[in-house]
N, C-alpha and C. Protein backbone atom coordinates (compact mmCIF):
# COMPACT_ATOMS: atom_id res chain seq x y z
N MET A 1 41.15 -46.59 -219.53
CA MET A 1 40.99 -47.43 -218.67
C MET A 1 40.32 -47.06 -217.69
N THR A 2 39.66 -47.69 -216.86
CA THR A 2 38.82 -48.33 -216.27
C THR A 2 39.45 -47.98 -214.51
N VAL A 3 39.27 -47.95 -213.66
CA VAL A 3 40.16 -48.16 -212.03
C VAL A 3 40.34 -49.58 -211.87
N LYS A 4 39.24 -50.45 -212.25
CA LYS A 4 40.07 -52.13 -212.18
C LYS A 4 41.74 -51.62 -212.78
N GLU A 5 41.41 -52.08 -214.45
CA GLU A 5 42.92 -51.73 -214.82
C GLU A 5 43.57 -50.88 -214.14
N TYR A 6 43.33 -49.59 -213.80
CA TYR A 6 43.96 -48.83 -213.07
C TYR A 6 44.80 -49.67 -212.08
N ASN A 7 44.05 -50.30 -210.94
CA ASN A 7 44.65 -50.92 -210.01
C ASN A 7 45.79 -52.45 -210.61
N THR A 8 45.02 -52.75 -211.63
CA THR A 8 46.13 -54.13 -212.16
C THR A 8 47.30 -52.93 -212.42
N ALA A 9 47.38 -52.02 -213.13
CA ALA A 9 47.88 -51.57 -213.20
C ALA A 9 49.26 -51.07 -212.28
N VAL A 10 48.69 -50.68 -211.15
CA VAL A 10 49.60 -50.31 -209.77
C VAL A 10 50.13 -51.57 -209.24
N LYS A 11 49.75 -52.84 -209.35
CA LYS A 11 50.32 -53.90 -208.83
C LYS A 11 51.73 -54.60 -210.17
N GLU A 12 50.54 -54.56 -211.45
CA GLU A 12 52.07 -54.94 -212.41
C GLU A 12 52.90 -53.89 -212.51
N PHE A 13 52.82 -52.63 -212.35
CA PHE A 13 54.55 -51.97 -213.03
C PHE A 13 54.96 -51.10 -211.54
N ALA A 14 54.47 -50.69 -210.75
CA ALA A 14 54.51 -50.42 -209.76
C ALA A 14 56.57 -50.59 -209.06
N ASP A 15 56.53 -52.11 -208.61
CA ASP A 15 58.18 -52.76 -208.96
C ASP A 15 59.08 -52.15 -209.77
N PRO A 16 58.67 -52.46 -210.96
CA PRO A 16 59.32 -52.77 -212.56
C PRO A 16 59.76 -50.97 -212.36
N VAL A 17 58.24 -50.33 -212.36
CA VAL A 17 58.99 -48.52 -212.41
C VAL A 17 59.93 -48.34 -211.61
N PHE A 18 59.79 -48.67 -210.15
CA PHE A 18 59.96 -47.95 -209.24
C PHE A 18 62.33 -48.69 -208.91
N ARG A 19 62.21 -50.02 -209.34
CA ARG A 19 63.42 -51.08 -209.39
C ARG A 19 64.33 -49.63 -210.60
N PHE A 20 63.78 -49.67 -211.23
CA PHE A 20 64.19 -48.55 -212.67
C PHE A 20 64.92 -47.57 -212.08
N ILE A 21 63.92 -46.80 -211.47
CA ILE A 21 64.23 -45.29 -211.50
C ILE A 21 65.60 -45.22 -209.45
N TYR A 22 65.00 -46.24 -209.29
CA TYR A 22 66.03 -46.51 -207.36
C TYR A 22 67.19 -46.65 -208.03
N ARG A 23 67.38 -47.97 -209.53
CA ARG A 23 69.42 -48.15 -209.95
C ARG A 23 69.81 -46.78 -210.79
N SER A 24 68.10 -45.66 -211.07
CA SER A 24 69.20 -44.90 -211.64
C SER A 24 69.57 -43.56 -210.83
N LEU A 25 68.75 -44.01 -209.33
CA LEU A 25 68.70 -42.33 -208.46
C LEU A 25 69.82 -43.08 -207.59
N LYS A 26 69.88 -43.80 -207.05
CA LYS A 26 70.24 -44.49 -205.65
C LYS A 26 69.34 -43.77 -204.44
N ASP A 27 68.21 -43.28 -204.55
CA ASP A 27 67.83 -42.63 -203.78
C ASP A 27 66.12 -43.50 -203.57
N ARG A 28 66.55 -44.76 -202.38
CA ARG A 28 64.73 -45.05 -202.21
C ARG A 28 63.91 -44.45 -202.11
N ASP A 29 64.14 -43.00 -201.13
CA ASP A 29 62.72 -41.69 -201.29
C ASP A 29 62.14 -41.51 -202.36
N ARG A 30 63.37 -40.99 -202.72
CA ARG A 30 62.52 -40.45 -204.23
C ARG A 30 62.14 -40.93 -205.60
N ALA A 31 63.16 -42.13 -205.43
CA ALA A 31 62.44 -43.58 -206.09
C ALA A 31 61.13 -43.29 -205.88
N LYS A 32 60.36 -43.78 -204.71
CA LYS A 32 59.76 -43.77 -204.16
C LYS A 32 58.43 -42.86 -204.54
N ASP A 33 59.00 -41.68 -204.30
CA ASP A 33 58.42 -40.53 -204.81
C ASP A 33 57.96 -39.99 -206.59
N ILE A 34 58.69 -39.99 -207.55
CA ILE A 34 58.57 -40.44 -208.72
C ILE A 34 57.57 -41.02 -209.05
N VAL A 35 57.50 -42.92 -209.13
CA VAL A 35 56.41 -43.50 -209.03
C VAL A 35 55.97 -43.16 -208.40
N GLN A 36 55.08 -42.70 -207.42
CA GLN A 36 54.02 -42.31 -206.62
C GLN A 36 53.53 -40.61 -207.56
N ASP A 37 54.23 -40.12 -208.20
CA ASP A 37 54.13 -38.84 -208.93
C ASP A 37 53.39 -39.38 -210.25
N SER A 38 54.68 -40.28 -211.01
CA SER A 38 53.85 -40.88 -212.45
C SER A 38 52.44 -41.38 -211.94
N PHE A 39 52.07 -42.52 -210.84
CA PHE A 39 50.93 -43.09 -210.86
C PHE A 39 49.69 -41.78 -210.38
N GLU A 40 50.16 -40.46 -209.84
CA GLU A 40 49.18 -39.87 -209.94
C GLU A 40 48.76 -38.63 -210.69
N LYS A 41 49.50 -38.57 -211.98
CA LYS A 41 49.51 -37.93 -213.00
C LYS A 41 48.27 -38.74 -213.76
N LEU A 42 48.89 -40.89 -214.27
CA LEU A 42 48.17 -41.89 -214.59
C LEU A 42 46.47 -41.49 -213.97
N TRP A 43 46.58 -41.88 -213.02
CA TRP A 43 45.40 -41.61 -212.44
C TRP A 43 43.89 -40.32 -212.94
N ILE A 44 44.99 -38.84 -213.16
CA ILE A 44 44.87 -38.29 -213.84
C ILE A 44 43.96 -38.09 -215.09
N ILE A 45 44.37 -39.06 -215.76
CA ILE A 45 43.85 -39.14 -217.46
C ILE A 45 43.60 -40.32 -217.67
N VAL A 46 43.36 -41.39 -216.12
CA VAL A 46 43.07 -42.37 -216.49
C VAL A 46 41.76 -43.41 -218.03
N SER A 47 40.86 -42.33 -217.96
CA SER A 47 39.58 -42.49 -218.58
C SER A 47 40.38 -42.28 -220.30
N GLU A 48 41.83 -40.95 -220.44
CA GLU A 48 42.17 -41.27 -221.79
C GLU A 48 42.56 -41.94 -222.10
N ILE A 49 43.40 -42.82 -221.11
CA ILE A 49 44.63 -43.87 -221.60
C ILE A 49 44.39 -44.96 -222.28
N ASP A 50 44.83 -45.98 -223.02
CA ASP A 50 44.44 -47.72 -222.87
C ASP A 50 45.19 -48.08 -222.23
N PHE A 51 44.88 -49.22 -221.96
CA PHE A 51 45.48 -49.76 -220.90
C PHE A 51 46.62 -50.87 -221.20
N ARG A 52 47.13 -50.96 -222.84
CA ARG A 52 47.47 -51.68 -223.59
C ARG A 52 49.35 -50.97 -223.69
N GLY A 53 48.80 -50.31 -223.05
CA GLY A 53 49.95 -48.14 -223.03
C GLY A 53 50.63 -48.40 -221.74
N VAL A 54 49.46 -48.59 -220.81
CA VAL A 54 50.05 -48.02 -219.56
C VAL A 54 51.06 -48.09 -218.95
N LYS A 55 52.14 -49.46 -219.58
CA LYS A 55 53.58 -49.81 -218.78
C LYS A 55 54.02 -48.50 -219.90
N SER A 56 54.30 -48.66 -221.17
CA SER A 56 55.67 -47.79 -221.99
C SER A 56 54.90 -46.31 -221.12
N TRP A 57 53.97 -46.32 -220.87
CA TRP A 57 52.82 -44.64 -220.64
C TRP A 57 54.50 -44.42 -218.79
N LEU A 58 53.82 -45.50 -218.13
CA LEU A 58 53.94 -45.36 -217.04
C LEU A 58 55.96 -44.46 -216.49
N PHE A 59 56.50 -46.16 -217.68
CA PHE A 59 58.07 -45.96 -217.39
C PHE A 59 58.45 -44.19 -218.58
N THR A 60 57.66 -43.92 -219.58
CA THR A 60 58.11 -42.82 -219.89
C THR A 60 57.42 -41.62 -219.03
N SER A 61 56.85 -40.99 -217.90
CA SER A 61 56.62 -40.80 -217.64
C SER A 61 57.33 -40.33 -216.02
N ALA A 62 57.96 -41.64 -215.55
CA ALA A 62 59.06 -41.85 -214.36
C ALA A 62 60.19 -41.39 -215.04
N TYR A 63 60.61 -42.02 -216.52
CA TYR A 63 61.49 -41.55 -216.72
C TYR A 63 61.74 -39.92 -217.10
N ASN A 64 60.82 -38.98 -217.10
CA ASN A 64 60.61 -37.99 -217.73
C ASN A 64 60.92 -37.21 -216.17
N ARG A 65 60.05 -37.60 -215.22
CA ARG A 65 60.15 -36.85 -213.93
C ARG A 65 61.44 -37.14 -213.41
N MET A 66 62.05 -37.88 -213.72
CA MET A 66 63.91 -38.30 -212.96
C MET A 66 64.35 -37.78 -213.32
N ILE A 67 64.19 -37.09 -215.06
CA ILE A 67 65.35 -35.95 -215.26
C ILE A 67 65.45 -34.83 -214.70
N ASP A 68 63.82 -34.89 -214.84
CA ASP A 68 63.24 -32.95 -214.30
C ASP A 68 64.44 -32.81 -212.75
N VAL A 69 63.95 -34.24 -211.88
CA VAL A 69 64.95 -33.82 -210.75
C VAL A 69 66.24 -34.12 -210.86
N ILE A 70 66.93 -34.60 -211.79
CA ILE A 70 68.17 -34.60 -211.61
C ILE A 70 69.05 -33.29 -212.39
N ARG A 71 67.94 -32.50 -212.91
CA ARG A 71 68.57 -31.18 -213.81
C ARG A 71 68.13 -30.45 -212.56
N LYS A 72 67.46 -30.34 -211.74
CA LYS A 72 67.31 -29.75 -210.60
C LYS A 72 67.99 -29.24 -209.96
N GLU A 73 69.02 -30.62 -209.46
CA GLU A 73 70.17 -30.63 -208.55
C GLU A 73 71.21 -30.08 -208.93
N SER A 74 71.16 -30.66 -210.23
CA SER A 74 72.37 -30.59 -210.79
C SER A 74 72.59 -28.73 -210.71
N ARG A 75 71.20 -28.47 -210.37
CA ARG A 75 71.66 -26.32 -210.89
C ARG A 75 72.33 -26.10 -209.00
N PHE A 76 72.40 -26.80 -208.14
CA PHE A 76 72.63 -26.78 -206.71
C PHE A 76 73.82 -26.86 -207.15
N THR A 77 75.07 -25.90 -206.85
CA THR A 77 76.49 -26.54 -206.54
C THR A 77 76.77 -26.16 -205.03
N MET A 78 77.02 -27.59 -204.59
CA MET A 78 78.14 -27.59 -203.20
C MET A 78 79.23 -26.24 -203.08
N VAL A 79 79.09 -25.56 -202.03
CA VAL A 79 80.34 -24.59 -201.95
C VAL A 79 81.78 -25.37 -201.54
N GLU A 80 81.53 -26.65 -200.78
CA GLU A 80 82.93 -26.86 -200.30
C GLU A 80 82.90 -28.18 -201.00
N TYR A 81 82.25 -28.65 -202.33
CA TYR A 81 82.66 -30.00 -203.11
C TYR A 81 84.21 -30.62 -203.86
N TYR A 82 84.81 -31.30 -203.96
CA TYR A 82 85.32 -31.46 -204.31
C TYR A 82 85.32 -33.71 -204.49
N ASP A 83 86.16 -33.69 -205.31
CA ASP A 83 86.22 -35.19 -206.30
C ASP A 83 87.14 -35.74 -205.15
N ASP A 84 86.48 -36.54 -204.63
CA ASP A 84 87.58 -37.81 -204.38
C ASP A 84 87.39 -39.11 -204.44
N SER A 85 86.76 -39.26 -205.22
CA SER A 85 86.67 -40.34 -206.24
C SER A 85 88.03 -40.72 -206.48
N SER A 86 89.46 -40.30 -206.51
CA SER A 86 90.52 -40.42 -207.03
C SER A 86 91.11 -41.28 -205.68
N LEU A 87 90.53 -40.85 -204.32
CA LEU A 87 90.90 -41.47 -203.08
C LEU A 87 90.24 -42.61 -203.05
N ILE A 88 89.60 -43.57 -203.38
CA ILE A 88 88.47 -44.54 -203.05
C ILE A 88 89.73 -45.68 -204.19
N THR A 89 89.64 -46.72 -203.69
CA THR A 89 90.57 -47.91 -203.99
C THR A 89 89.65 -48.87 -204.29
N GLU A 90 89.57 -49.39 -205.40
CA GLU A 90 88.78 -50.65 -205.57
C GLU A 90 89.02 -51.72 -204.98
N ASP A 91 87.79 -52.52 -204.48
CA ASP A 91 88.10 -54.00 -203.96
C ASP A 91 88.12 -54.55 -204.99
N LEU A 92 89.16 -55.75 -204.97
CA LEU A 92 89.30 -56.78 -206.00
C LEU A 92 88.07 -58.25 -204.99
N THR A 93 87.40 -58.15 -205.75
CA THR A 93 86.11 -58.54 -204.89
C THR A 93 85.29 -59.51 -206.51
N SER A 94 85.17 -60.93 -205.59
CA SER A 94 84.72 -61.79 -206.40
C SER A 94 83.01 -61.82 -206.59
N ASP A 95 82.05 -60.17 -205.59
CA ASP A 95 81.29 -60.27 -205.98
C ASP A 95 80.75 -59.72 -207.27
N LEU A 96 80.31 -59.90 -208.58
CA LEU A 96 80.43 -59.17 -209.65
C LEU A 96 78.99 -58.74 -209.25
N ASN A 97 77.42 -58.57 -208.92
CA ASN A 97 76.86 -57.55 -208.91
C ASN A 97 77.54 -56.38 -208.25
N GLU A 98 78.50 -56.74 -207.34
CA GLU A 98 78.70 -55.02 -206.23
C GLU A 98 79.40 -54.44 -207.40
N VAL A 99 80.00 -55.72 -207.84
CA VAL A 99 81.03 -54.31 -208.88
C VAL A 99 80.25 -54.22 -209.58
N LEU A 100 79.53 -54.48 -210.44
CA LEU A 100 78.67 -53.96 -211.64
C LEU A 100 77.86 -52.92 -211.34
N HIS A 101 77.20 -52.76 -209.78
CA HIS A 101 76.35 -51.83 -209.28
C HIS A 101 77.74 -50.20 -209.10
N LYS A 102 78.40 -50.86 -209.52
CA LYS A 102 79.73 -49.32 -208.95
C LYS A 102 79.96 -49.00 -209.45
N ALA A 103 80.11 -50.08 -211.11
CA ALA A 103 80.38 -49.53 -212.36
C ALA A 103 78.88 -48.69 -212.46
N LEU A 104 78.08 -49.26 -212.46
CA LEU A 104 77.01 -48.66 -213.13
C LEU A 104 76.57 -47.24 -212.02
N GLU A 105 76.75 -46.91 -211.49
CA GLU A 105 76.49 -45.84 -210.47
C GLU A 105 77.72 -44.25 -211.19
N GLN A 106 78.66 -44.94 -211.79
CA GLN A 106 79.87 -43.95 -212.54
C GLN A 106 79.23 -43.74 -213.63
N LEU A 107 78.03 -44.24 -214.33
CA LEU A 107 78.17 -43.66 -216.14
C LEU A 107 76.70 -42.80 -215.70
N PRO A 108 77.51 -42.11 -216.64
CA PRO A 108 75.93 -40.33 -216.94
C PRO A 108 74.86 -41.01 -216.93
N ALA A 109 73.95 -40.45 -216.67
CA ALA A 109 72.67 -41.22 -215.58
C ALA A 109 72.02 -41.14 -217.69
N ILE A 110 71.84 -40.59 -219.00
CA ILE A 110 71.01 -41.02 -219.46
C ILE A 110 71.74 -42.47 -220.11
N GLN A 111 73.17 -42.71 -220.18
CA GLN A 111 73.86 -44.14 -220.34
C GLN A 111 73.00 -45.29 -219.58
N ARG A 112 73.20 -45.07 -217.61
CA ARG A 112 72.62 -45.68 -216.98
C ARG A 112 70.91 -46.13 -217.02
N ALA A 113 70.60 -44.80 -217.49
CA ALA A 113 69.15 -44.95 -217.65
C ALA A 113 68.56 -46.45 -219.15
N VAL A 114 69.19 -46.33 -220.26
CA VAL A 114 69.39 -47.06 -221.43
C VAL A 114 69.71 -48.15 -221.10
N ILE A 115 71.01 -48.34 -220.20
CA ILE A 115 71.54 -50.20 -219.81
C ILE A 115 69.92 -50.59 -219.18
N LEU A 116 69.98 -50.20 -218.03
CA LEU A 116 68.41 -50.89 -217.35
C LEU A 116 67.38 -51.00 -218.13
N LEU A 117 66.86 -49.70 -219.32
CA LEU A 117 65.53 -50.09 -219.86
C LEU A 117 66.02 -51.45 -220.70
N ARG A 118 67.26 -51.31 -221.21
CA ARG A 118 67.40 -52.53 -222.35
C ARG A 118 68.32 -53.88 -221.48
N ASP A 119 68.75 -53.98 -220.97
CA ASP A 119 69.48 -54.41 -219.78
C ASP A 119 68.41 -55.82 -218.34
N TYR A 120 67.59 -54.45 -217.84
CA TYR A 120 67.60 -54.89 -216.42
C TYR A 120 66.00 -54.78 -216.68
N GLU A 121 65.52 -54.23 -217.64
CA GLU A 121 63.87 -54.44 -217.70
C GLU A 121 63.27 -55.11 -219.22
N GLY A 122 64.37 -55.37 -220.24
CA GLY A 122 63.99 -55.71 -221.35
C GLY A 122 63.49 -55.29 -222.13
N TYR A 123 63.36 -53.50 -222.04
CA TYR A 123 62.93 -53.18 -223.18
C TYR A 123 64.08 -53.31 -224.92
N SER A 124 62.63 -52.93 -225.98
CA SER A 124 63.51 -52.96 -227.60
C SER A 124 64.17 -52.30 -227.15
N TYR A 125 64.93 -51.71 -228.70
CA TYR A 125 65.60 -50.48 -228.67
C TYR A 125 64.17 -48.83 -229.52
N GLN A 126 63.67 -49.38 -229.40
CA GLN A 126 62.52 -48.67 -229.81
C GLN A 126 61.78 -48.03 -228.97
N GLU A 127 61.61 -49.16 -228.12
CA GLU A 127 60.63 -48.34 -226.58
C GLU A 127 61.43 -47.71 -225.89
N ILE A 128 62.48 -48.08 -225.48
CA ILE A 128 63.66 -47.11 -225.19
C ILE A 128 63.80 -45.62 -225.59
N SER A 129 63.52 -45.86 -227.06
CA SER A 129 63.88 -44.53 -228.18
C SER A 129 62.52 -44.11 -227.37
N SER A 130 61.22 -44.49 -227.91
CA SER A 130 59.56 -43.71 -227.04
C SER A 130 60.25 -43.25 -225.47
N ILE A 131 60.27 -44.45 -225.08
CA ILE A 131 60.29 -43.76 -223.33
C ILE A 131 61.76 -42.49 -222.97
N THR A 132 62.31 -42.52 -223.72
CA THR A 132 63.27 -41.51 -223.18
C THR A 132 63.53 -40.67 -224.56
N ASN A 133 62.42 -40.14 -225.44
CA ASN A 133 62.43 -39.27 -226.31
C ASN A 133 63.63 -38.85 -227.22
N LEU A 134 64.35 -39.95 -227.44
CA LEU A 134 65.60 -40.21 -228.05
C LEU A 134 65.70 -40.53 -229.47
N SER A 135 66.52 -40.49 -230.10
CA SER A 135 66.31 -41.97 -231.96
C SER A 135 66.69 -42.59 -231.44
N GLU A 136 66.03 -43.81 -231.77
CA GLU A 136 67.31 -45.05 -231.82
C GLU A 136 68.08 -45.43 -231.74
N THR A 137 69.10 -44.51 -233.07
CA THR A 137 70.11 -44.36 -233.28
C THR A 137 71.23 -43.95 -231.96
N GLN A 138 70.55 -42.73 -231.37
CA GLN A 138 71.02 -42.06 -230.41
C GLN A 138 70.78 -43.83 -229.18
N VAL A 139 70.11 -43.90 -229.38
CA VAL A 139 69.65 -44.86 -227.85
C VAL A 139 70.66 -45.91 -227.82
N LYS A 140 71.63 -46.70 -229.36
CA LYS A 140 72.41 -47.62 -229.66
C LYS A 140 73.82 -47.06 -229.23
N VAL A 141 73.62 -45.97 -229.31
CA VAL A 141 74.79 -45.59 -229.61
C VAL A 141 75.81 -45.10 -227.56
N TYR A 142 74.07 -44.84 -226.88
CA TYR A 142 74.17 -44.05 -225.40
C TYR A 142 74.63 -46.03 -224.73
N ILE A 143 74.28 -47.35 -225.04
CA ILE A 143 73.83 -48.83 -224.79
C ILE A 143 75.61 -48.58 -225.03
N TYR A 144 76.06 -48.88 -225.83
CA TYR A 144 76.77 -49.02 -226.49
C TYR A 144 78.26 -48.75 -225.50
N ARG A 145 78.48 -46.99 -226.06
CA ARG A 145 78.84 -46.48 -224.99
C ARG A 145 79.51 -46.76 -222.77
N GLY A 146 77.86 -46.89 -222.76
CA GLY A 146 77.62 -47.40 -221.39
C GLY A 146 78.25 -48.89 -221.20
N ARG A 147 78.38 -49.54 -221.84
CA ARG A 147 78.24 -51.18 -221.77
C ARG A 147 79.94 -51.25 -222.23
N VAL A 148 80.74 -50.38 -223.07
CA VAL A 148 81.80 -50.25 -223.17
C VAL A 148 82.43 -49.89 -221.70
N SER A 149 81.98 -49.15 -221.17
CA SER A 149 82.85 -47.95 -219.38
C SER A 149 82.23 -49.69 -218.94
N LEU A 150 81.39 -49.79 -218.50
CA LEU A 150 81.21 -51.50 -217.58
C LEU A 150 82.30 -52.08 -218.14
N ARG A 151 82.45 -52.73 -219.38
CA ARG A 151 83.65 -53.47 -219.13
C ARG A 151 84.67 -52.91 -219.00
N LYS A 152 85.63 -52.27 -219.23
CA LYS A 152 86.51 -51.68 -218.65
C LYS A 152 86.82 -50.88 -217.18
N HIS A 153 86.02 -51.09 -216.57
CA HIS A 153 84.97 -51.05 -215.29
C HIS A 153 85.84 -52.49 -214.60
N LEU A 154 84.95 -53.51 -215.40
CA LEU A 154 84.99 -54.85 -214.58
C LEU A 154 86.04 -55.00 -214.90
N VAL A 155 87.35 -55.17 -216.47
CA VAL A 155 88.78 -55.79 -216.61
C VAL A 155 89.13 -54.79 -215.35
N LYS A 156 88.70 -53.54 -214.94
CA LYS A 156 90.01 -52.95 -214.18
C LYS A 156 89.62 -53.50 -213.22
N ALA A 157 88.77 -54.10 -212.75
CA ALA A 157 88.37 -54.64 -210.98
C ALA A 157 88.89 -55.92 -210.89
N GLY A 158 89.95 -57.05 -212.21
CA GLY A 158 90.06 -57.84 -212.27
C GLY A 158 88.98 -58.49 -212.54
N LEU A 159 88.17 -58.45 -213.85
CA LEU A 159 87.07 -59.62 -213.46
C LEU A 159 86.89 -59.44 -215.39
N THR A 160 87.17 -60.93 -215.55
CA THR A 160 87.47 -60.95 -216.81
C THR A 160 86.02 -61.03 -217.34
N VAL A 161 85.96 -60.55 -218.43
CA VAL A 161 84.79 -60.48 -219.68
C VAL A 161 84.82 -60.66 -221.21
N SER A 162 84.01 -61.44 -221.75
CA SER A 162 83.87 -62.03 -222.57
C SER A 162 83.36 -61.06 -224.15
């Protein structure tokens, strides 16, 4: 890949990769850091990679970095942590987008990631499999389970789902 192609990759893929990571982590600064790390890694191997595969490579790199961040954070335990999710009442709102984002936040990270890749970014099952290092069957199962959870959350929020 040439420097010009690298710059094109930055222009074309930085925003979609950022959106994917941000929707998964809900932390703008960490998402920016992960995207920057991915492009830095791409720059290091710029002469070794073909431009046609750069989009998939970037999503894979960002996804793997995000998983590393999640795993690292899960090792830390808060001394005074308690689950107060039962204290939160659901606002019955007609704002489907807000309700959907709340539902997405409640999904396990892997389900949220594959649903975002499939439904928001438009990747095929095979591409998601390649990005996440899961089998296509696992990807389909995670997407199915995630969609079932989302549907239940939407019904609970008083929205009809067909």
